[in-house]
N, C-alpha and C. Protein backbone atom coordinates (compact mmCIF):
# COMPACT_ATOMS: atom_id res chain seq x y z
N MET A 1 0.86 -1.13 0.01
CA MET A 1 0.02 0.01 -0.03
C MET A 1 0.93 1.27 0.08
N PRO A 2 1.19 1.80 -1.13
CA PRO A 2 2.08 2.99 -1.28
C PRO A 2 1.19 4.27 -0.86
N ILE A 3 2.13 5.17 -0.45
CA ILE A 3 1.51 6.65 -0.26
C ILE A 3 2.09 7.39 -1.36
N TYR A 4 1.18 8.04 -2.16
CA TYR A 4 1.52 8.89 -3.24
C TYR A 4 1.39 10.37 -2.76
N GLU A 5 2.36 11.12 -3.32
CA GLU A 5 2.24 12.62 -3.11
C GLU A 5 1.82 13.34 -4.29
N TYR A 6 0.94 14.24 -4.08
CA TYR A 6 0.40 15.06 -5.18
C TYR A 6 0.62 16.56 -4.87
N ARG A 7 0.88 17.38 -5.86
CA ARG A 7 0.91 18.90 -5.66
C ARG A 7 -0.44 19.39 -6.33
N CYS A 8 -1.10 20.20 -5.54
CA CYS A 8 -2.36 20.80 -6.04
C CYS A 8 -2.01 21.93 -6.93
N GLU A 9 -2.66 21.93 -8.14
CA GLU A 9 -2.45 23.06 -9.03
C GLU A 9 -3.31 24.25 -8.68
N ASP A 10 -4.24 24.11 -7.66
CA ASP A 10 -5.02 25.38 -7.15
C ASP A 10 -4.32 26.08 -6.10
N CYS A 11 -3.84 25.32 -5.02
CA CYS A 11 -3.24 25.91 -3.90
C CYS A 11 -1.71 25.65 -3.82
N ALA A 12 -1.16 24.89 -4.66
CA ALA A 12 0.29 24.55 -4.81
C ALA A 12 0.74 23.77 -3.52
N LYS A 13 -0.10 23.16 -2.66
CA LYS A 13 0.35 22.52 -1.57
C LYS A 13 0.43 20.99 -1.83
N LEU A 14 1.24 20.26 -1.03
CA LEU A 14 1.42 18.80 -1.18
C LEU A 14 0.38 18.05 -0.42
N SER A 15 -0.14 16.99 -0.92
CA SER A 15 -1.03 16.07 -0.23
C SER A 15 -0.52 14.74 -0.35
N SER A 16 -0.44 14.05 0.73
CA SER A 16 0.03 12.59 0.83
C SER A 16 -1.31 11.76 0.97
N ILE A 17 -1.42 10.79 -0.11
CA ILE A 17 -2.60 9.98 -0.14
C ILE A 17 -2.20 8.44 -0.18
N LEU A 18 -2.79 7.63 0.82
CA LEU A 18 -2.58 6.29 0.86
C LEU A 18 -3.42 5.59 -0.13
N VAL A 19 -2.74 4.82 -0.96
CA VAL A 19 -3.65 4.18 -2.14
C VAL A 19 -3.55 2.67 -1.77
N ARG A 20 -4.70 2.13 -1.45
CA ARG A 20 -4.70 0.65 -1.19
C ARG A 20 -4.43 -0.23 -2.50
N SER A 21 -5.07 0.17 -3.56
CA SER A 21 -4.87 -0.50 -4.77
C SER A 21 -4.93 0.54 -5.94
N PRO A 22 -3.79 0.61 -6.62
CA PRO A 22 -3.78 1.62 -7.78
C PRO A 22 -4.86 1.38 -8.78
N LYS A 23 -5.28 0.19 -9.05
CA LYS A 23 -6.35 -0.09 -10.05
C LYS A 23 -7.72 0.47 -9.62
N THR A 24 -7.95 0.43 -8.33
CA THR A 24 -9.28 0.93 -7.88
C THR A 24 -9.28 2.13 -7.12
N ALA A 25 -8.18 2.93 -7.19
CA ALA A 25 -7.95 4.25 -6.41
C ALA A 25 -8.91 5.19 -6.99
N PRO A 26 -9.68 5.98 -6.21
CA PRO A 26 -10.49 7.12 -6.71
C PRO A 26 -9.53 8.26 -7.03
N ALA A 27 -10.09 9.25 -7.82
CA ALA A 27 -9.28 10.40 -8.19
C ALA A 27 -8.81 11.15 -6.85
N PRO A 28 -7.51 11.56 -6.86
CA PRO A 28 -7.05 12.21 -5.57
C PRO A 28 -7.71 13.61 -5.44
N ILE A 29 -7.94 14.00 -4.09
CA ILE A 29 -8.38 15.31 -3.81
C ILE A 29 -7.46 15.88 -2.80
N CYS A 30 -7.21 17.31 -2.98
CA CYS A 30 -6.31 17.96 -2.14
C CYS A 30 -6.85 17.99 -0.78
N GLN A 31 -5.92 17.69 0.21
CA GLN A 31 -6.21 17.76 1.59
C GLN A 31 -6.37 19.15 2.27
N HIS A 32 -5.93 20.11 1.51
CA HIS A 32 -5.99 21.51 2.01
C HIS A 32 -7.11 22.33 1.46
N CYS A 33 -7.39 22.31 0.14
CA CYS A 33 -8.39 23.07 -0.40
C CYS A 33 -9.55 22.24 -1.16
N SER A 34 -9.44 21.02 -1.11
CA SER A 34 -10.37 20.02 -1.71
C SER A 34 -10.49 20.15 -3.25
N GLY A 35 -9.32 20.67 -3.72
CA GLY A 35 -9.32 20.78 -5.24
C GLY A 35 -9.03 19.37 -5.83
N THR A 36 -9.25 19.37 -7.14
CA THR A 36 -9.26 18.03 -7.86
C THR A 36 -8.16 18.02 -8.90
N ARG A 37 -7.50 19.23 -9.07
CA ARG A 37 -6.50 19.22 -10.08
C ARG A 37 -5.03 19.06 -9.45
N LEU A 38 -4.73 17.79 -9.22
CA LEU A 38 -3.50 17.33 -8.59
C LEU A 38 -2.64 16.79 -9.63
N LYS A 39 -1.33 16.91 -9.45
CA LYS A 39 -0.28 16.29 -10.20
C LYS A 39 0.64 15.51 -9.28
N LYS A 40 0.87 14.19 -9.69
CA LYS A 40 1.70 13.37 -8.95
C LYS A 40 3.19 13.93 -8.84
N VAL A 41 3.84 13.88 -7.78
CA VAL A 41 5.27 14.38 -7.65
C VAL A 41 6.14 13.29 -7.04
N MET A 42 7.40 13.40 -7.21
CA MET A 42 8.31 12.41 -6.66
C MET A 42 8.38 12.68 -5.11
N SER A 43 8.28 11.70 -4.27
CA SER A 43 8.52 11.88 -2.88
C SER A 43 9.82 11.99 -2.41
N LYS A 44 10.10 12.60 -1.38
CA LYS A 44 11.51 12.67 -0.70
C LYS A 44 11.83 11.37 -0.18
N VAL A 45 13.04 11.02 -0.15
CA VAL A 45 13.57 9.71 0.48
C VAL A 45 13.93 9.98 1.88
N GLY A 46 13.49 9.25 2.77
CA GLY A 46 13.86 9.32 4.27
C GLY A 46 14.63 8.14 4.66
N ARG A 47 15.44 8.35 5.60
CA ARG A 47 16.29 7.23 6.17
C ARG A 47 16.29 7.34 7.59
N LEU A 48 15.98 6.40 8.50
CA LEU A 48 16.16 6.42 9.97
C LEU A 48 17.67 6.44 10.23
N LYS A 49 17.91 7.10 11.40
CA LYS A 49 19.26 7.25 11.84
C LYS A 49 19.36 6.10 12.91
N THR A 50 20.55 5.44 12.89
CA THR A 50 20.85 4.42 13.81
C THR A 50 21.44 5.15 15.04
N GLN A 51 21.65 4.49 16.11
CA GLN A 51 22.18 4.93 17.41
C GLN A 51 23.68 5.45 17.00
N GLY A 52 24.32 4.70 16.17
CA GLY A 52 25.78 5.08 15.73
C GLY A 52 25.78 6.38 14.90
N ASP A 53 24.70 6.59 14.00
CA ASP A 53 24.71 7.80 13.37
C ASP A 53 24.46 8.98 14.25
N VAL A 54 23.59 8.86 15.24
CA VAL A 54 23.32 9.84 16.13
C VAL A 54 24.56 10.31 16.89
N VAL A 55 25.33 9.26 17.36
CA VAL A 55 26.49 9.51 18.23
C VAL A 55 27.53 10.18 17.28
N GLN A 56 27.65 9.71 16.02
CA GLN A 56 28.50 10.35 15.06
C GLN A 56 28.15 11.82 14.68
N GLU A 57 26.95 12.07 14.57
CA GLU A 57 26.38 13.50 14.27
C GLU A 57 26.49 14.47 15.44
N TYR A 58 26.13 14.01 16.66
CA TYR A 58 26.15 14.85 17.73
C TYR A 58 27.23 14.61 18.81
N GLY A 59 27.89 13.49 18.66
CA GLY A 59 28.99 13.12 19.54
C GLY A 59 28.49 12.68 20.90
N THR A 60 29.41 12.16 21.69
CA THR A 60 29.06 11.61 22.93
C THR A 60 29.25 12.72 24.01
N PRO A 61 28.24 13.13 24.71
CA PRO A 61 28.53 14.19 25.61
C PRO A 61 29.50 13.97 26.65
N ARG A 62 30.27 14.99 27.08
CA ARG A 62 31.24 14.83 28.13
C ARG A 62 30.35 14.98 29.31
N PRO A 63 31.01 14.56 30.57
CA PRO A 63 30.30 14.82 31.91
C PRO A 63 29.91 16.19 32.14
N GLY A 64 28.62 16.31 32.58
CA GLY A 64 28.26 17.75 32.88
C GLY A 64 27.57 18.37 31.60
N GLU A 65 27.68 17.83 30.43
CA GLU A 65 27.14 18.38 29.15
C GLU A 65 25.81 17.76 29.04
N SER A 66 24.86 18.52 28.25
CA SER A 66 23.60 17.87 28.05
C SER A 66 23.67 17.13 26.63
N TYR A 67 22.73 16.25 26.37
CA TYR A 67 22.63 15.52 25.11
C TYR A 67 21.89 16.42 24.11
N SER A 68 22.24 16.32 22.84
CA SER A 68 21.52 16.98 21.80
C SER A 68 20.34 16.38 21.17
N ASP A 69 20.09 15.04 21.41
CA ASP A 69 19.26 14.24 20.70
C ASP A 69 18.47 13.42 21.67
N PRO A 70 17.00 13.46 21.59
CA PRO A 70 16.29 12.64 22.48
C PRO A 70 16.66 11.15 22.59
N ARG A 71 17.15 10.54 21.55
CA ARG A 71 17.62 9.12 21.53
C ARG A 71 18.76 9.02 22.48
N GLN A 72 19.62 9.90 22.53
CA GLN A 72 20.77 9.91 23.48
C GLN A 72 20.34 10.12 24.96
N ILE A 73 19.28 10.88 25.14
CA ILE A 73 18.77 11.23 26.37
C ILE A 73 18.17 9.90 26.92
N GLY A 74 17.51 9.14 26.12
CA GLY A 74 16.80 7.92 26.52
C GLY A 74 17.92 6.86 26.95
N THR A 75 19.01 6.79 26.16
CA THR A 75 20.11 5.83 26.44
C THR A 75 20.67 6.32 27.89
N TRP A 76 20.85 7.63 28.11
CA TRP A 76 21.44 8.04 29.30
C TRP A 76 20.46 7.62 30.55
N VAL A 77 19.14 7.90 30.35
CA VAL A 77 18.24 7.39 31.35
C VAL A 77 18.19 5.96 31.72
N GLU A 78 18.21 5.15 30.56
CA GLU A 78 18.36 3.68 30.73
C GLU A 78 19.63 3.34 31.55
N ARG A 79 20.76 3.90 31.23
CA ARG A 79 22.04 3.55 31.90
C ARG A 79 21.92 4.02 33.41
N ARG A 80 21.22 5.22 33.77
CA ARG A 80 21.11 5.65 35.04
C ARG A 80 20.36 4.60 35.87
N PHE A 81 19.28 4.06 35.40
CA PHE A 81 18.35 3.12 36.08
C PHE A 81 19.14 1.80 36.23
N GLU A 82 19.88 1.38 35.21
CA GLU A 82 20.66 0.21 35.23
C GLU A 82 21.77 0.30 36.42
N SER A 83 22.44 1.52 36.44
CA SER A 83 23.55 1.71 37.45
C SER A 83 22.97 1.66 38.90
N TYR A 84 21.73 2.04 39.07
CA TYR A 84 21.09 1.96 40.38
C TYR A 84 20.50 0.55 40.60
N GLY A 85 20.48 -0.26 39.61
CA GLY A 85 19.91 -1.61 39.74
C GLY A 85 18.36 -1.58 39.77
N MET A 86 17.75 -0.63 39.14
CA MET A 86 16.37 -0.54 39.06
C MET A 86 15.84 -0.70 37.62
N PRO A 87 14.66 -1.31 37.47
CA PRO A 87 13.97 -1.37 36.21
C PRO A 87 13.63 -0.13 35.80
N VAL A 88 13.50 0.11 34.45
CA VAL A 88 12.94 1.45 33.99
C VAL A 88 11.42 1.29 34.12
N PRO A 89 10.84 2.39 34.75
CA PRO A 89 9.37 2.43 34.87
C PRO A 89 8.62 2.29 33.49
N ASP A 90 7.42 1.65 33.47
CA ASP A 90 6.70 1.67 32.25
C ASP A 90 6.42 3.01 31.51
N GLU A 91 6.11 4.03 32.33
CA GLU A 91 5.81 5.29 31.71
C GLU A 91 7.10 5.91 31.20
N THR A 92 8.08 5.77 31.95
CA THR A 92 9.35 6.29 31.42
C THR A 92 9.86 5.63 30.01
N ARG A 93 9.66 4.24 30.09
CA ARG A 93 9.90 3.41 28.89
C ARG A 93 9.14 3.93 27.71
N LYS A 94 7.82 4.28 27.91
CA LYS A 94 7.03 4.81 26.79
C LYS A 94 7.53 6.02 26.31
N MET A 95 8.02 6.90 27.25
CA MET A 95 8.51 8.18 26.76
C MET A 95 9.80 8.09 25.82
N ILE A 96 10.66 7.14 26.43
CA ILE A 96 11.98 6.89 25.76
C ILE A 96 11.70 6.32 24.27
N ASP A 97 10.82 5.34 24.18
CA ASP A 97 10.50 4.72 22.90
C ASP A 97 9.91 5.76 22.03
N ALA A 98 9.01 6.61 22.59
CA ALA A 98 8.37 7.60 21.65
C ALA A 98 9.48 8.63 21.17
N ALA A 99 10.41 8.99 21.99
CA ALA A 99 11.44 9.91 21.57
C ALA A 99 12.29 9.28 20.41
N ARG A 100 12.51 8.05 20.61
CA ARG A 100 13.30 7.33 19.59
C ARG A 100 12.60 7.22 18.25
N GLU A 101 11.26 7.26 18.23
CA GLU A 101 10.52 7.33 17.07
C GLU A 101 10.36 8.75 16.51
N GLY A 102 10.91 9.68 17.24
CA GLY A 102 10.78 11.06 16.70
C GLY A 102 9.66 11.87 17.48
N GLU A 103 8.94 11.40 18.33
CA GLU A 103 7.87 12.02 19.02
C GLU A 103 8.37 12.72 20.22
N LEU A 104 8.69 14.00 20.04
CA LEU A 104 9.29 14.85 21.19
C LEU A 104 8.27 15.40 22.12
N PRO A 105 8.61 15.41 23.40
CA PRO A 105 7.63 16.08 24.40
C PRO A 105 7.52 17.47 24.15
N GLY A 106 6.37 18.15 24.48
CA GLY A 106 6.08 19.47 24.42
C GLY A 106 6.90 20.33 25.53
N PRO A 107 6.68 21.59 25.72
CA PRO A 107 7.49 22.35 26.66
C PRO A 107 7.01 21.95 28.11
N ALA A 108 7.90 22.15 29.02
CA ALA A 108 7.75 21.64 30.39
C ALA A 108 6.36 22.06 30.95
N GLY A 109 5.75 23.21 30.56
CA GLY A 109 4.57 23.69 31.07
C GLY A 109 3.36 22.92 30.53
N ASP A 110 3.56 21.98 29.48
CA ASP A 110 2.53 21.18 29.06
C ASP A 110 2.28 19.87 29.81
N LEU A 111 3.04 19.67 30.86
CA LEU A 111 2.98 18.47 31.63
C LEU A 111 1.68 18.24 32.21
């Protein structure tokens, strides 16, 4: 089931549309202005970063420095719990896993 991207000729915005079957797919409709004059465009290629990529890009922080990437913060938290001989709490585990998937927490006031 591919996701196709279209550029609307009316509003010039991109729409991503999940196509279950190209043979039976309805005509695409713009998600922004409901226009029907869409043109298929090439999608950008994305690649997930490995933990090694993150360390190479941001480096390993020195003692007293903060981490630049949420995946590094999660690793630091896991190591802290491990060093205390404690399991990572379920709620903390969910936040770490979400950060690794790119879901960043909001500002501190949003808690």
